[in-house]
Amino acid sequence: MCKFGLIVNPIAGLGGRVGLKGTDGPEVAERALSLGARPESPQRAVRALEQLKLMVADCLVLTYSNEMGESEARRCGFEVEVIGRPAGEKSSAEDTVSAARSARDRGASLLLFAGGDGTARDIYRAVGTSIPVVGVPAGVKMHSGVFARTPESAGELAGRFLLGGIRRLVEMEVMDIDEDAFRRGIVRARLYGYLSVPLDRQLVQGAKAPTPPSERAAQEAIAAYVVEKMEEEVLYLVGPGTTTRAIMEALGQPFSLLGVDAVYDRKCIGTDLREQEILDLLDSRRARIIVSPIGGQGHIFGRGNQQLSPAVIRRVGKDGIIVVATPSKLASLRAGPLMVDTGDRALDRALSGYIRVITGYGEEVVYPVAF
């Protein structure tokens, strides 16, 4: 019987829809819950495990108790060995470290973990490159290259490795940012180390590619075109990023580089909005969503803009989505598709296909979207 370790960070991703841009630390998690956030990482872990179960039915899961992995594994019908439990009432980073080391030392062939960049840091601190890992994307920000494109991709990648279909491992970056600075609109990314990941370029998202300074002219051309085409009495929800920042600068309006801002009749009427605040603004208004893909990864929904939730996207509609990207950003995807990972598989399926992408002043391309 094969054995793999499972670690779920129950609070990962809590801060996304309520605009907190991360959930590192118990105080932030409590604030997210007080704002109405709901845990999402356990369900994302289940999605990965369901896919894995279809491929590898006879496997023992080594995990910690309750929502750190036991509950999710049992729900999917796996045989479970509980190898520990959180030291306190709620799980912590140290529990993640202990769980990873225990699973490795008890003979796990692979560690499957659900979380974000902070969780990846804890896994790196625990085991380094001594055991293969697969990350289930469940955080707010996921700059690291150790995550699969979607939870289902994580389950497929883990299954193929456990079955021997993938033998090659590659060391992928563990990146994280200073969340306090991030909430102030400052990006301070740091490389913490590497984790060994089964190699399949179609399933692993890779690390986020930074935007080079030379992109400025291309961003300004896109911004000029978008502003020129803006309609009266239409609400524009402008997602995070430097390409979308150029739109707000062209309008001469205040903005939050890393949040979702609202523009109506070319005036900013809300910055760094939470999901519920966006839904309130959408009431009785026609609306558009403006987003830009993450360089090197391609996600237009589900990475760093969870405020644009399934409820928001459904309210606006697929025809109301405006994607902007410079030619070099599209080139950084290496012919890979734009990605959607909203947490709603029916919506992801509806958004897939093809979409127009504005790449310059009066310039557009038709580009594939996958989930």
Protein backbone atom coordinates (compact mmCIF):
# COMPACT_ATOMS: atom_id res chain seq x y z
CA MET A 1 0.00 0.00 0.00
CA CYS A 2 1.34 3.44 -0.89
CA LYS A 3 1.55 6.13 1.77
CA PHE A 4 1.41 9.88 1.41
CA GLY A 5 1.29 12.74 3.89
CA LEU A 6 -1.60 15.21 3.90
CA ILE A 7 -1.47 18.63 5.55
CA VAL A 8 -4.33 21.13 5.39
CA ASN A 9 -3.98 24.67 6.68
CA PRO A 10 -7.60 25.35 7.71
CA ILE A 11 -7.23 29.15 7.71
CA ALA A 12 -5.40 29.50 4.38
CA GLY A 13 -7.21 31.84 2.01
CA LEU A 14 -9.56 33.29 4.64
CA GLY A 15 -8.48 36.86 3.92
CA GLY A 16 -9.13 36.79 0.18
CA ARG A 17 -12.78 37.72 -0.29
CA VAL A 18 -12.70 40.22 2.57
CA GLY A 19 -9.74 42.08 1.08
CA LEU A 20 -7.07 41.22 3.67
CA LYS A 21 -4.59 39.92 1.04
CA GLY A 22 -3.43 37.02 3.19
CA THR A 23 -4.04 35.22 6.47
CA ASP A 24 -0.61 34.94 8.07
CA GLY A 25 -1.05 35.08 11.83
CA PRO A 26 -3.99 34.27 14.15
CA GLU A 27 -5.01 37.92 14.53
CA VAL A 28 -5.57 38.28 10.79
CA ALA A 29 -7.56 35.05 10.70
CA GLU A 30 -9.81 36.26 13.51
CA ARG A 31 -10.37 39.56 11.71
CA ALA A 32 -11.22 37.74 8.48
CA LEU A 33 -13.81 35.62 10.30
CA SER A 34 -15.28 38.71 11.93
CA LEU A 35 -15.73 40.22 8.45
CA GLY A 36 -17.70 37.18 7.32
CA ALA A 37 -14.97 35.08 5.70
CA ARG A 38 -15.54 31.34 5.37
CA PRO A 39 -12.88 28.61 5.39
CA GLU A 40 -12.19 27.41 1.86
CA SER A 41 -8.98 25.38 2.08
CA PRO A 42 -10.65 22.21 3.47
CA GLN A 43 -12.99 22.04 0.46
CA ARG A 44 -10.13 22.70 -1.95
CA ALA A 45 -8.21 19.86 -0.31
CA VAL A 46 -11.25 17.61 -0.81
CA ARG A 47 -11.33 18.48 -4.51
CA ALA A 48 -7.69 17.39 -4.86
CA LEU A 49 -8.29 14.20 -2.86
CA GLU A 50 -11.35 13.27 -4.93
CA GLN A 51 -9.26 13.46 -8.09
CA LEU A 52 -6.47 11.47 -6.43
CA LYS A 53 -8.92 8.81 -5.22
CA LEU A 54 -10.05 8.19 -8.80
CA MET A 55 -6.47 7.29 -9.66
CA VAL A 56 -5.10 5.65 -6.50
CA ALA A 57 -7.80 3.94 -4.45
CA ASP A 58 -5.55 1.86 -2.18
CA CYS A 59 -3.42 4.38 -0.30
CA LEU A 60 -2.79 5.19 3.37
CA VAL A 61 -2.96 8.85 4.35
CA LEU A 62 -0.67 10.03 7.15
CA THR A 63 -2.12 13.20 8.60
CA TYR A 64 -2.98 15.27 11.65
CA SER A 65 -6.39 15.19 13.30
CA ASN A 66 -9.62 16.88 12.29
CA GLU A 67 -9.41 19.67 9.68
CA MET A 68 -5.64 19.45 9.33
CA GLY A 69 -6.27 16.50 7.04
CA GLU A 70 -8.09 13.68 8.83
CA SER A 71 -11.60 14.97 8.12
CA GLU A 72 -10.91 15.63 4.45
CA ALA A 73 -9.21 12.25 3.86
CA ARG A 74 -11.98 10.28 5.56
CA ARG A 75 -14.61 12.20 3.62
CA CYS A 76 -12.97 10.99 0.40
CA GLY A 77 -12.83 7.37 1.55
CA PHE A 78 -9.10 7.01 2.21
CA GLU A 79 -7.64 4.83 4.94
CA VAL A 80 -6.20 7.23 7.52
CA GLU A 81 -3.47 7.04 10.13
CA VAL A 82 -3.61 10.03 12.48
CA ILE A 83 0.01 10.82 13.36
CA GLY A 84 -0.61 13.81 15.62
CA ARG A 85 -2.88 16.66 16.55
CA PRO A 86 -2.50 20.43 16.91
CA ALA A 87 -0.77 21.56 20.09
CA GLY A 88 -3.46 24.16 20.79
CA GLU A 89 -7.14 24.69 20.16
CA LYS A 90 -6.36 25.88 16.64
CA SER A 91 -3.61 24.74 14.30
CA SER A 92 -0.43 26.80 13.89
CA ALA A 93 2.63 27.00 11.68
CA GLU A 94 4.50 24.78 14.14
CA ASP A 95 1.82 22.11 13.75
CA THR A 96 2.38 22.20 9.98
CA VAL A 97 6.12 21.77 10.53
CA SER A 98 5.61 18.86 12.93
CA ALA A 99 3.08 17.16 10.65
CA ALA A 100 5.38 17.38 7.63
CA ARG A 101 8.34 15.92 9.50
CA SER A 102 6.26 13.15 11.06
CA ALA A 103 4.75 12.09 7.71
CA ARG A 104 8.19 12.01 6.10
CA ASP A 105 9.76 10.06 8.96
CA ARG A 106 6.93 7.50 8.87
CA GLY A 107 7.66 6.63 5.26
CA ALA A 108 5.38 8.88 3.21
CA SER A 109 6.32 8.90 -0.48
CA LEU A 110 4.88 12.38 -1.02
CA LEU A 111 3.51 15.35 0.90
CA LEU A 112 0.26 16.85 -0.38
CA PHE A 113 -0.51 20.15 1.33
CA ALA A 114 -3.31 22.71 0.99
CA GLY A 115 -2.41 26.31 1.74
CA GLY A 116 -0.68 29.37 0.36
CA ASP A 117 2.84 30.75 0.30
CA GLY A 118 3.05 30.89 4.10
CA THR A 119 2.21 27.20 4.31
CA ALA A 120 4.82 26.43 1.64
CA ARG A 121 7.39 28.24 3.78
CA ASP A 122 6.49 26.06 6.75
CA ILE A 123 6.80 22.90 4.64
CA TYR A 124 10.21 24.05 3.39
CA ARG A 125 11.35 24.76 6.94
CA ALA A 126 10.25 21.27 7.95
CA VAL A 127 11.57 19.04 5.19
CA GLY A 128 13.48 21.07 2.59
CA THR A 129 14.00 18.90 -0.51
CA SER A 130 14.07 15.60 1.40
CA ILE A 131 10.63 14.49 0.13
CA PRO A 132 8.53 15.35 -2.96
CA VAL A 133 5.64 17.74 -2.37
CA VAL A 134 2.58 18.94 -4.25
CA GLY A 135 0.80 22.13 -3.23
CA VAL A 136 -2.98 22.45 -3.46
CA PRO A 137 -3.61 26.17 -4.16
CA ALA A 138 -5.70 27.42 -1.26
CA GLY A 139 -4.15 30.72 -0.22
CA VAL A 140 -4.75 34.33 -1.21
CA LYS A 141 -1.35 34.96 -2.75
CA MET A 142 0.56 32.14 -4.39
CA HIS A 143 3.82 33.43 -5.82
CA SER A 144 5.62 30.12 -5.21
CA GLY A 145 6.18 27.61 -7.97
CA VAL A 146 5.26 24.56 -5.87
CA PHE A 147 1.50 24.75 -6.44
CA ALA A 148 -0.58 22.96 -9.02
CA ARG A 149 -2.75 25.07 -11.32
CA THR A 150 -5.98 23.94 -9.60
CA PRO A 151 -6.93 21.54 -6.78
CA GLU A 152 -7.84 18.91 -9.37
CA SER A 153 -4.44 19.35 -11.02
CA ALA A 154 -2.82 18.78 -7.62
CA GLY A 155 -4.70 15.52 -7.18
CA GLU A 156 -3.77 14.37 -10.68
CA LEU A 157 -0.11 15.29 -10.20
CA ALA A 158 0.06 13.45 -6.86
CA GLY A 159 -1.70 10.42 -8.34
CA ARG A 160 0.58 10.18 -11.33
CA PHE A 161 3.63 10.38 -9.08
CA LEU A 162 2.36 7.74 -6.66
CA LEU A 163 1.58 5.43 -9.59
CA GLY A 164 5.08 5.88 -11.00
CA GLY A 165 3.93 7.79 -14.07
CA ILE A 166 6.10 10.76 -13.11
CA ARG A 167 9.61 10.07 -11.86
CA ARG A 168 11.44 13.31 -12.48
CA LEU A 169 11.54 15.90 -9.70
CA VAL A 170 12.37 19.57 -10.10
CA GLU A 171 13.25 22.08 -7.38
CA MET A 172 10.67 24.88 -7.42
CA GLU A 173 10.86 28.23 -5.65
CA VAL A 174 9.24 28.93 -2.29
CA MET A 175 8.42 32.65 -2.43
CA ASP A 176 6.55 34.79 0.06
CA ILE A 177 5.87 38.45 0.64
CA ASP A 178 5.63 40.74 3.64
CA GLU A 179 1.86 40.77 4.23
CA ASP A 180 1.88 43.95 6.33
CA ALA A 181 3.68 45.82 3.55
CA PHE A 182 1.43 44.11 0.97
CA ARG A 183 -1.67 45.51 2.66
CA ARG A 184 -0.10 48.97 2.27
CA GLY A 185 0.38 48.37 -1.46
CA ILE A 186 4.09 47.51 -1.24
CA VAL A 187 5.34 44.23 -2.71
CA ARG A 188 8.39 42.82 -0.97
CA ALA A 189 8.92 39.32 -2.27
CA ARG A 190 11.65 37.04 -0.97
CA LEU A 191 12.99 33.66 -2.00
CA TYR A 192 13.05 31.34 1.02
CA GLY A 193 14.26 28.15 -0.62
CA TYR A 194 13.16 25.27 -2.81
CA LEU A 195 10.89 22.24 -2.59
CA SER A 196 11.04 19.12 -4.78
CA VAL A 197 7.97 18.85 -7.02
CA PRO A 198 7.03 16.13 -9.56
CA LEU A 199 7.62 17.62 -12.98
CA ASP A 200 4.65 18.21 -15.27
CA ARG A 201 4.55 21.69 -16.81
CA GLN A 202 0.87 21.31 -17.69
CA LEU A 203 -0.16 20.74 -14.07
CA VAL A 204 2.23 22.93 -12.04
CA GLN A 205 1.58 26.68 -12.08
CA GLY A 206 5.22 27.80 -11.71
CA ALA A 207 6.46 30.91 -9.93
CA LYS A 208 5.00 34.36 -10.54
CA ALA A 209 7.02 36.33 -13.10
CA PRO A 210 7.74 39.97 -12.12
CA THR A 211 6.76 42.83 -14.42
CA PRO A 212 9.88 44.44 -15.98
CA PRO A 213 10.22 48.26 -15.97
CA SER A 214 10.25 48.23 -19.79
CA GLU A 215 6.54 47.33 -19.76
CA ARG A 216 5.48 50.85 -18.83
CA ALA A 217 4.86 52.15 -22.38
CA ALA A 218 2.80 49.09 -23.31
CA GLN A 219 0.73 49.44 -20.14
CA GLU A 220 0.05 53.10 -20.85
CA ALA A 221 -1.11 52.27 -24.39
CA ILE A 222 -3.53 49.68 -23.02
CA ALA A 223 -4.76 52.15 -20.40
CA ALA A 224 -5.42 54.89 -22.95
CA TYR A 225 -7.51 52.50 -25.06
CA VAL A 226 -9.52 51.15 -22.10
CA VAL A 227 -10.28 54.64 -20.77
CA GLU A 228 -11.35 55.82 -24.24
CA LYS A 229 -13.80 52.91 -24.49
CA MET A 230 -15.32 53.35 -21.01
CA GLU A 231 -19.10 53.75 -21.10
CA GLU A 232 -21.19 56.19 -19.10
CA GLU A 233 -23.31 54.84 -16.23
CA VAL A 234 -21.35 51.59 -16.13
CA LEU A 235 -19.51 50.40 -13.03
CA TYR A 236 -15.95 49.22 -13.69
CA LEU A 237 -14.34 46.90 -11.14
CA VAL A 238 -10.59 47.23 -11.61
CA GLY A 239 -8.55 44.33 -10.31
CA PRO A 240 -5.01 44.40 -8.88
CA GLY A 241 -1.76 44.70 -10.80
CA THR A 242 0.54 47.14 -12.54
CA THR A 243 -1.28 46.93 -15.89
CA THR A 244 -4.58 47.85 -14.28
CA ARG A 245 -2.83 50.51 -12.18
CA ALA A 246 -2.00 52.31 -15.42
CA ILE A 247 -5.75 52.57 -16.11
CA MET A 248 -6.40 54.27 -12.77
CA GLU A 249 -3.45 56.61 -13.35
CA ALA A 250 -4.78 57.51 -16.81
CA LEU A 251 -8.08 58.41 -15.15
CA GLY A 252 -6.23 60.50 -12.56
CA GLN A 253 -8.04 58.64 -9.77
CA PRO A 254 -6.90 57.15 -6.45
CA PHE A 255 -6.32 53.39 -6.48
CA SER A 256 -5.09 50.41 -4.49
CA LEU A 257 -2.37 48.58 -6.42
CA LEU A 258 -3.20 45.24 -4.81
CA GLY A 259 -6.96 45.53 -4.27
CA VAL A 260 -10.16 45.91 -6.29
CA ASP A 261 -11.28 49.47 -7.02
CA ALA A 262 -14.58 50.75 -8.41
CA VAL A 263 -14.94 53.39 -11.13
CA TYR A 264 -18.24 54.97 -12.20
CA ASP A 265 -18.45 57.70 -14.84
CA ARG A 266 -14.63 57.82 -14.77
CA LYS A 267 -14.57 58.63 -11.04
CA CYS A 268 -13.30 56.29 -8.34
CA ILE A 269 -16.13 55.51 -5.92
CA GLY A 270 -14.39 52.85 -3.83
CA THR A 271 -10.89 51.47 -3.26
CA ASP A 272 -9.64 48.13 -1.92
CA LEU A 273 -13.16 46.73 -1.75
CA ARG A 274 -14.33 43.55 -0.04
CA GLU A 275 -16.63 41.08 -1.77
CA GLN A 276 -19.75 42.31 0.02
CA GLU A 277 -18.94 45.95 -0.72
CA ILE A 278 -18.63 45.05 -4.42
CA LEU A 279 -21.95 43.22 -4.38
CA ASP A 280 -23.58 46.26 -2.78
CA LEU A 281 -22.21 48.50 -5.56
CA LEU A 282 -23.44 46.09 -8.23
CA ASP A 283 -27.04 46.46 -7.11
CA SER A 284 -29.03 47.82 -10.09
CA ARG A 285 -25.88 48.84 -12.02
CA ARG A 286 -24.48 47.56 -15.29
CA ALA A 287 -20.88 46.53 -14.69
CA ARG A 288 -17.60 45.37 -16.18
CA ILE A 289 -14.62 43.63 -14.58
CA ILE A 290 -11.09 44.59 -15.68
CA VAL A 291 -8.37 42.05 -14.84
CA SER A 292 -4.85 41.21 -15.93
CA PRO A 293 -3.28 37.73 -15.79
CA ILE A 294 -0.48 36.93 -13.35
CA GLY A 295 2.81 36.86 -15.25
CA GLY A 296 4.24 33.40 -15.72
CA GLN A 297 1.10 31.75 -14.28
CA GLY A 298 -1.80 33.10 -16.31
CA HIS A 299 -4.53 33.23 -13.67
CA ILE A 300 -7.13 35.92 -14.23
CA PHE A 301 -9.38 34.81 -11.34
CA GLY A 302 -8.56 32.98 -8.11
CA ARG A 303 -5.10 34.39 -7.35
CA GLY A 304 -4.90 37.57 -5.31
CA ASN A 305 -8.32 38.85 -6.46
CA GLN A 306 -10.72 36.57 -4.57
CA GLN A 307 -12.86 39.64 -3.86
CA LEU A 308 -14.02 39.09 -7.44
CA SER A 309 -15.91 36.06 -6.20
CA PRO A 310 -18.20 33.70 -8.12
CA ALA A 311 -21.17 35.78 -6.97
CA VAL A 312 -19.56 38.94 -8.36
CA ILE A 313 -18.51 37.32 -11.64
CA ARG A 314 -21.95 35.79 -12.20
CA ARG A 315 -23.58 39.15 -11.54
CA VAL A 316 -21.36 40.85 -14.14
CA GLY A 317 -21.42 37.98 -16.65
CA LYS A 318 -18.75 36.58 -18.95
CA ASP A 319 -19.42 39.24 -21.57
CA GLY A 320 -18.59 41.91 -18.99
CA ILE A 321 -15.03 40.69 -18.37
CA ILE A 322 -12.24 42.79 -19.88
CA VAL A 323 -8.78 41.19 -19.88
CA VAL A 324 -5.72 43.38 -20.40
CA ALA A 325 -2.15 42.12 -20.87
CA THR A 326 1.00 43.35 -22.56
CA PRO A 327 2.43 41.14 -25.32
CA SER A 328 5.41 40.22 -23.14
CA LYS A 329 3.14 39.12 -20.31
CA LEU A 330 1.31 36.78 -22.68
CA ALA A 331 4.69 35.57 -23.94
CA SER A 332 5.67 34.72 -20.34
CA LEU A 333 2.89 32.09 -20.34
CA ARG A 334 4.86 30.07 -22.95
CA ALA A 335 1.74 29.39 -25.01
CA GLY A 336 -0.15 28.24 -21.90
CA PRO A 337 -3.78 29.33 -21.46
CA LEU A 338 -5.23 31.95 -19.18
CA MET A 339 -6.46 30.19 -16.03
CA VAL A 340 -9.58 30.50 -13.88
CA ASP A 341 -9.81 28.95 -10.40
CA THR A 342 -12.73 30.70 -8.72
CA GLY A 343 -13.67 27.84 -6.40
CA ASP A 344 -16.89 27.28 -8.36
CA ARG A 345 -16.24 24.54 -10.93
CA ALA A 346 -19.44 25.22 -12.87
CA LEU A 347 -18.43 28.86 -13.22
CA ASP A 348 -14.86 27.93 -14.19
CA ARG A 349 -16.28 25.70 -16.92
CA ALA A 350 -18.53 28.52 -18.17
CA LEU A 351 -15.61 30.95 -18.29
CA SER A 352 -13.37 28.57 -20.25
CA GLY A 353 -13.03 28.75 -24.01
CA TYR A 354 -11.73 31.92 -25.63
CA ILE A 355 -11.68 35.57 -24.63
CA ARG A 356 -10.48 38.81 -26.16
CA VAL A 357 -7.37 40.29 -24.55
CA ILE A 358 -6.45 43.96 -25.02
CA THR A 359 -2.70 44.09 -25.70
CA GLY A 360 -2.20 47.69 -26.85
CA TYR A 361 -3.98 50.77 -28.17
CA GLY A 362 -6.63 49.37 -30.50
CA GLU A 363 -4.93 45.97 -30.41
CA GLU A 364 -6.59 42.76 -29.26
CA VAL A 365 -5.95 39.05 -29.53
CA VAL A 366 -8.23 36.07 -28.94
CA TYR A 367 -6.71 33.85 -26.25
CA PRO A 368 -7.72 30.49 -24.71
CA VAL A 369 -9.02 30.20 -21.14
CA ALA A 370 -8.81 26.94 -19.16
CA PHE A 371 -9.63 25.68 -15.67
